[in-house]
Amino acid sequence: MSESSGILDIKRISVVGISGSGKSTFSRLLAEKMGLPLYHMDNLFWEANWSAVPDDIWQKQEREVTSQSKWIVEGYIDETYCSRLLLSDLIIYLDISAFEATENYLKRWWKYKGKSRPELEGCKEAFSLSFLQTILKRKERDGIEEALKVFDSSKVIKLTTRREAQDYLNSL
């Protein structure tokens, strides 16, 4: 699917991309435009103070979300964490540059440092050099690309800049 035609009929959307790619912001705007409920995988995956939820519990929560008839789910995927893509009518892949993702991460850190982001209550934003390096080197990208290989490419819209993402939202 290369254009936004028919998107308003789509009821299950996954938004994926590396950390700092703007998934949460993009998804919030998309949910507002489409009137679909939004779920953040970080909210299912992390408990307070960045404690990981046990796999069986967050997978159960993810199944509860994706068993609904309408949703936008945003969050990281790789070849082992991609079951929700099977249920998606559309996958939006924010494949932005390392520079833009790094800039987004630093802006987010500055805005929320010492506080929790709205989509991630109980987890205070803190700067991490190792996380910054992950973003700069786009280390997560290989896992995302691997996961997407098995899906029908006509279900995937790849947006490679913040401008492209904004233009896409404006076209709806």
C-alpha atoms as a PDB file:
ATOM      1  CA  MET A   1       0.000   0.000   0.000  1.00  0.00           C
ATOM      2  CA  SER A   2       1.849   3.067  -1.159  1.00  0.00           C
ATOM      3  CA  GLU A   3      -0.817   5.708  -0.713  1.00  0.00           C
ATOM      4  CA  SER A   4      -3.230   6.602   2.043  1.00  0.00           C
ATOM      5  CA  SER A   5      -6.250   5.648  -0.068  1.00  0.00           C
ATOM      6  CA  GLY A   6      -8.597   3.458   1.904  1.00  0.00           C
ATOM      7  CA  ILE A   7      -6.749   3.982   5.178  1.00  0.00           C
ATOM      8  CA  LEU A   8      -9.844   5.268   6.927  1.00  0.00           C
ATOM      9  CA  ASP A   9     -11.358   1.786   6.469  1.00  0.00           C
ATOM     10  CA  ILE A  10      -8.386   0.150   8.203  1.00  0.00           C
ATOM     11  CA  LYS A  11      -9.015  -0.800  11.820  1.00  0.00           C
ATOM     12  CA  ARG A  12      -5.771  -2.475  13.045  1.00  0.00           C
ATOM     13  CA  ILE A  13      -2.489  -0.655  12.567  1.00  0.00           C
ATOM     14  CA  SER A  14       1.011  -1.366  13.858  1.00  0.00           C
ATOM     15  CA  VAL A  15       3.520   1.474  13.959  1.00  0.00           C
ATOM     16  CA  VAL A  16       7.123   0.295  14.210  1.00  0.00           C
ATOM     17  CA  GLY A  17      10.609   1.771  14.064  1.00  0.00           C
ATOM     18  CA  ILE A  18      13.847   2.133  15.973  1.00  0.00           C
ATOM     19  CA  SER A  19      13.947   3.912  19.298  1.00  0.00           C
ATOM     20  CA  GLY A  20      13.606   7.644  18.825  1.00  0.00           C
ATOM     21  CA  SER A  21      11.926   7.302  15.439  1.00  0.00           C
ATOM     22  CA  GLY A  22       8.806   9.131  16.631  1.00  0.00           C
ATOM     23  CA  LYS A  23       6.453   6.142  16.945  1.00  0.00           C
ATOM     24  CA  SER A  24       4.581   7.497  19.972  1.00  0.00           C
ATOM     25  CA  THR A  25       4.072  10.997  18.599  1.00  0.00           C
ATOM     26  CA  PHE A  26       3.115   9.757  15.135  1.00  0.00           C
ATOM     27  CA  SER A  27       0.729   7.174  16.596  1.00  0.00           C
ATOM     28  CA  ARG A  28      -0.957   9.712  18.864  1.00  0.00           C
ATOM     29  CA  LEU A  29      -1.665  11.952  15.867  1.00  0.00           C
ATOM     30  CA  LEU A  30      -2.774   8.994  13.737  1.00  0.00           C
ATOM     31  CA  ALA A  31      -5.148   7.778  16.476  1.00  0.00           C
ATOM     32  CA  GLU A  32      -6.686  11.258  16.742  1.00  0.00           C
ATOM     33  CA  LYS A  33      -7.243  11.442  12.981  1.00  0.00           C
ATOM     34  CA  MET A  34      -8.645   7.935  12.673  1.00  0.00           C
ATOM     35  CA  GLY A  35     -10.565   7.679  15.934  1.00  0.00           C
ATOM     36  CA  LEU A  36      -8.853   4.414  16.870  1.00  0.00           C
ATOM     37  CA  PRO A  37      -7.693   3.422  20.357  1.00  0.00           C
ATOM     38  CA  LEU A  38      -3.921   3.663  20.834  1.00  0.00           C
ATOM     39  CA  TYR A  39      -1.757   1.235  22.780  1.00  0.00           C
ATOM     40  CA  HIS A  40       1.914   1.717  23.565  1.00  0.00           C
ATOM     41  CA  MET A  41       3.962  -1.477  23.794  1.00  0.00           C
ATOM     42  CA  ASP A  42       6.337   0.237  26.240  1.00  0.00           C
ATOM     43  CA  ASN A  43       3.384   0.604  28.600  1.00  0.00           C
ATOM     44  CA  LEU A  44       2.755  -3.156  28.413  1.00  0.00           C
ATOM     45  CA  PHE A  45       6.436  -4.101  28.563  1.00  0.00           C
ATOM     46  CA  TRP A  46       7.690  -1.891  31.405  1.00  0.00           C
ATOM     47  CA  GLU A  47       6.605  -1.601  35.026  1.00  0.00           C
ATOM     48  CA  ALA A  48       7.663   1.253  37.304  1.00  0.00           C
ATOM     49  CA  ASN A  49      11.369   2.107  37.380  1.00  0.00           C
ATOM     50  CA  TRP A  50      12.057   0.356  34.070  1.00  0.00           C
ATOM     51  CA  SER A  51      11.434  -3.139  35.440  1.00  0.00           C
ATOM     52  CA  ALA A  52      10.595  -5.492  32.591  1.00  0.00           C
ATOM     53  CA  VAL A  53       7.238  -7.240  32.851  1.00  0.00           C
ATOM     54  CA  PRO A  54       7.638 -11.038  32.707  1.00  0.00           C
ATOM     55  CA  ASP A  55       7.298 -12.295  29.105  1.00  0.00           C
ATOM     56  CA  ASP A  56       4.162 -14.326  29.729  1.00  0.00           C
ATOM     57  CA  ILE A  57       2.346 -11.344  31.262  1.00  0.00           C
ATOM     58  CA  TRP A  58       3.152  -8.749  28.594  1.00  0.00           C
ATOM     59  CA  GLN A  59       2.430 -11.280  25.839  1.00  0.00           C
ATOM     60  CA  LYS A  60      -0.956 -11.938  27.450  1.00  0.00           C
ATOM     61  CA  GLN A  61      -1.613  -8.189  27.613  1.00  0.00           C
ATOM     62  CA  GLU A  62      -0.588  -7.804  23.979  1.00  0.00           C
ATOM     63  CA  ARG A  63      -2.988 -10.613  22.975  1.00  0.00           C
ATOM     64  CA  GLU A  64      -5.804  -8.873  24.892  1.00  0.00           C
ATOM     65  CA  VAL A  65      -5.128  -5.630  23.011  1.00  0.00           C
ATOM     66  CA  THR A  66      -4.771  -7.206  19.577  1.00  0.00           C
ATOM     67  CA  SER A  67      -7.837  -9.411  19.993  1.00  0.00           C
ATOM     68  CA  GLN A  68      -9.941  -6.247  19.838  1.00  0.00           C
ATOM     69  CA  SER A  69     -11.457  -5.225  16.519  1.00  0.00           C
ATOM     70  CA  LYS A  70      -9.857  -1.759  16.408  1.00  0.00           C
ATOM     71  CA  TRP A  71      -6.427  -0.545  17.494  1.00  0.00           C
ATOM     72  CA  ILE A  72      -3.199   1.202  16.789  1.00  0.00           C
ATOM     73  CA  VAL A  73      -0.271  -0.468  18.520  1.00  0.00           C
ATOM     74  CA  GLU A  74       3.053   1.302  18.487  1.00  0.00           C
ATOM     75  CA  GLY A  75       6.367  -0.037  19.623  1.00  0.00           C
ATOM     76  CA  TYR A  76       9.544  -1.821  18.825  1.00  0.00           C
ATOM     77  CA  ILE A  77       9.504  -5.176  17.064  1.00  0.00           C
ATOM     78  CA  ASP A  78      12.093  -7.682  15.986  1.00  0.00           C
ATOM     79  CA  GLU A  79      11.887 -11.181  14.594  1.00  0.00           C
ATOM     80  CA  THR A  80      10.947 -12.589  18.028  1.00  0.00           C
ATOM     81  CA  TYR A  81       8.437  -9.868  19.036  1.00  0.00           C
ATOM     82  CA  CYS A  82       6.272  -9.447  15.967  1.00  0.00           C
ATOM     83  CA  SER A  83       3.103 -11.518  16.427  1.00  0.00           C
ATOM     84  CA  ARG A  84       0.890  -8.412  16.364  1.00  0.00           C
ATOM     85  CA  LEU A  85       1.955  -7.771  12.790  1.00  0.00           C
ATOM     86  CA  LEU A  86       0.052 -10.885  11.719  1.00  0.00           C
ATOM     87  CA  LEU A  87      -3.175  -9.247  12.886  1.00  0.00           C
ATOM     88  CA  SER A  88      -2.419  -5.822  11.409  1.00  0.00           C
ATOM     89  CA  ASP A  89      -4.310  -4.500   8.415  1.00  0.00           C
ATOM     90  CA  LEU A  90      -1.504  -1.987   7.946  1.00  0.00           C
ATOM     91  CA  ILE A  91       2.069  -1.646   9.203  1.00  0.00           C
ATOM     92  CA  ILE A  92       3.628   1.806   9.233  1.00  0.00           C
ATOM     93  CA  TYR A  93       7.403   1.606   9.440  1.00  0.00           C
ATOM     94  CA  LEU A  94       9.136   4.795  10.557  1.00  0.00           C
ATOM     95  CA  ASP A  95      12.571   4.083   9.095  1.00  0.00           C
ATOM     96  CA  ILE A  96      14.135   7.449   9.819  1.00  0.00           C
ATOM     97  CA  SER A  97      17.830   8.260   9.867  1.00  0.00           C
ATOM     98  CA  ALA A  98      20.078   7.800  12.876  1.00  0.00           C
ATOM     99  CA  PHE A  99      20.508  11.574  12.984  1.00  0.00           C
ATOM    100  CA  GLU A 100      16.752  12.265  13.223  1.00  0.00           C
ATOM    101  CA  ALA A 101      16.219   9.453  15.746  1.00  0.00           C
ATOM    102  CA  THR A 102      19.102  10.742  17.882  1.00  0.00           C
ATOM    103  CA  GLU A 103      17.719  14.278  17.726  1.00  0.00           C
ATOM    104  CA  ASN A 104      14.275  12.956  18.759  1.00  0.00           C
ATOM    105  CA  TYR A 105      15.791  10.992  21.653  1.00  0.00           C
ATOM    106  CA  LEU A 106      17.733  13.995  22.951  1.00  0.00           C
ATOM    107  CA  LYS A 107      14.678  16.270  22.685  1.00  0.00           C
ATOM    108  CA  ARG A 108      12.562  13.684  24.501  1.00  0.00           C
ATOM    109  CA  TRP A 109      15.179  13.261  27.222  1.00  0.00           C
ATOM    110  CA  TRP A 110      15.431  17.024  27.704  1.00  0.00           C
ATOM    111  CA  LYS A 111      11.652  17.491  27.806  1.00  0.00           C
ATOM    112  CA  TYR A 112      10.987  14.646  30.249  1.00  0.00           C
ATOM    113  CA  LYS A 113      14.272  14.269  32.177  1.00  0.00           C
ATOM    114  CA  GLY A 114      13.461  13.087  35.664  1.00  0.00           C
ATOM    115  CA  LYS A 115       9.761  12.695  34.751  1.00  0.00           C
ATOM    116  CA  SER A 116       7.663  10.004  33.127  1.00  0.00           C
ATOM    117  CA  ARG A 117       6.443  10.315  29.556  1.00  0.00           C
ATOM    118  CA  PRO A 118       2.631  10.231  29.184  1.00  0.00           C
ATOM    119  CA  GLU A 119       2.744   6.771  27.549  1.00  0.00           C
ATOM    120  CA  LEU A 120       5.118   5.340  30.148  1.00  0.00           C
ATOM    121  CA  GLU A 121       3.973   6.197  33.664  1.00  0.00           C
ATOM    122  CA  GLY A 122       6.333   5.275  36.489  1.00  0.00           C
ATOM    123  CA  CYS A 123       9.472   5.209  34.313  1.00  0.00           C
ATOM    124  CA  LYS A 124      11.473   8.388  34.671  1.00  0.00           C
ATOM    125  CA  GLU A 125      13.299   9.539  31.569  1.00  0.00           C
ATOM    126  CA  ALA A 126      17.065   9.410  32.031  1.00  0.00           C
ATOM    127  CA  PHE A 127      19.967   9.824  29.641  1.00  0.00           C
ATOM    128  CA  SER A 128      21.784   6.631  28.660  1.00  0.00           C
ATOM    129  CA  LEU A 129      24.983   6.682  26.625  1.00  0.00           C
ATOM    130  CA  SER A 130      24.556   3.020  25.644  1.00  0.00           C
ATOM    131  CA  PHE A 131      20.985   3.703  24.487  1.00  0.00           C
ATOM    132  CA  LEU A 132      22.206   6.725  22.526  1.00  0.00           C
ATOM    133  CA  GLN A 133      24.790   4.496  20.825  1.00  0.00           C
ATOM    134  CA  THR A 134      22.066   1.968  19.979  1.00  0.00           C
ATOM    135  CA  ILE A 135      20.108   4.725  18.258  1.00  0.00           C
ATOM    136  CA  LEU A 136      23.140   6.265  16.520  1.00  0.00           C
ATOM    137  CA  LYS A 137      24.151   2.901  15.090  1.00  0.00           C
ATOM    138  CA  ARG A 138      20.527   1.958  14.330  1.00  0.00           C
ATOM    139  CA  LYS A 139      21.220  -1.392  15.996  1.00  0.00           C
ATOM    140  CA  GLU A 140      17.510  -2.209  16.265  1.00  0.00           C
ATOM    141  CA  ARG A 141      16.933  -1.771  12.528  1.00  0.00           C
ATOM    142  CA  ASP A 142      18.228  -5.227  11.519  1.00  0.00           C
ATOM    143  CA  GLY A 143      15.688  -6.961  13.792  1.00  0.00           C
ATOM    144  CA  ILE A 144      12.864  -4.817  12.442  1.00  0.00           C
ATOM    145  CA  GLU A 145      13.874  -5.490   8.842  1.00  0.00           C
ATOM    146  CA  GLU A 146      14.059  -9.241   9.574  1.00  0.00           C
ATOM    147  CA  ALA A 147      10.586  -9.219  11.131  1.00  0.00           C
ATOM    148  CA  LEU A 148       9.080  -7.336   8.202  1.00  0.00           C
ATOM    149  CA  LYS A 149      10.516  -9.743   5.604  1.00  0.00           C
ATOM    150  CA  VAL A 150       7.797 -12.299   6.299  1.00  0.00           C
ATOM    151  CA  PHE A 151       4.899  -9.894   5.827  1.00  0.00           C
ATOM    152  CA  ASP A 152       3.109  -8.884   2.672  1.00  0.00           C
ATOM    153  CA  SER A 153       4.928  -5.733   1.545  1.00  0.00           C
ATOM    154  CA  SER A 154       1.645  -4.267   0.284  1.00  0.00           C
ATOM    155  CA  LYS A 155       0.619  -3.968   3.970  1.00  0.00           C
ATOM    156  CA  VAL A 156       3.731  -1.924   4.831  1.00  0.00           C
ATOM    157  CA  ILE A 157       4.122   1.820   4.409  1.00  0.00           C
ATOM    158  CA  LYS A 158       7.716   2.908   4.923  1.00  0.00           C
ATOM    159  CA  LEU A 159       8.278   6.540   5.901  1.00  0.00           C
ATOM    160  CA  THR A 160      11.927   7.624   5.973  1.00  0.00           C
ATOM    161  CA  THR A 161      11.846  11.195   7.323  1.00  0.00           C
ATOM    162  CA  ARG A 162       9.854  13.175   9.865  1.00  0.00           C
ATOM    163  CA  ARG A 163       8.647  15.286   6.938  1.00  0.00           C
ATOM    164  CA  GLU A 164       7.342  12.201   5.107  1.00  0.00           C
ATOM    165  CA  ALA A 165       5.572  11.098   8.283  1.00  0.00           C
ATOM    166  CA  GLN A 166       3.969  14.521   8.705  1.00  0.00           C
ATOM    167  CA  ASP A 167       2.962  14.643   5.044  1.00  0.00           C
ATOM    168  CA  TYR A 168       1.365  11.211   5.417  1.00  0.00           C
ATOM    169  CA  LEU A 169      -0.658  12.348   8.414  1.00  0.00           C
ATOM    170  CA  ASN A 170      -1.663  15.531   6.601  1.00  0.00           C
ATOM    171  CA  SER A 171      -2.934  13.460   3.664  1.00  0.00           C
ATOM    172  CA  LEU A 172      -5.518  11.669   5.822  1.00  0.00           C
END
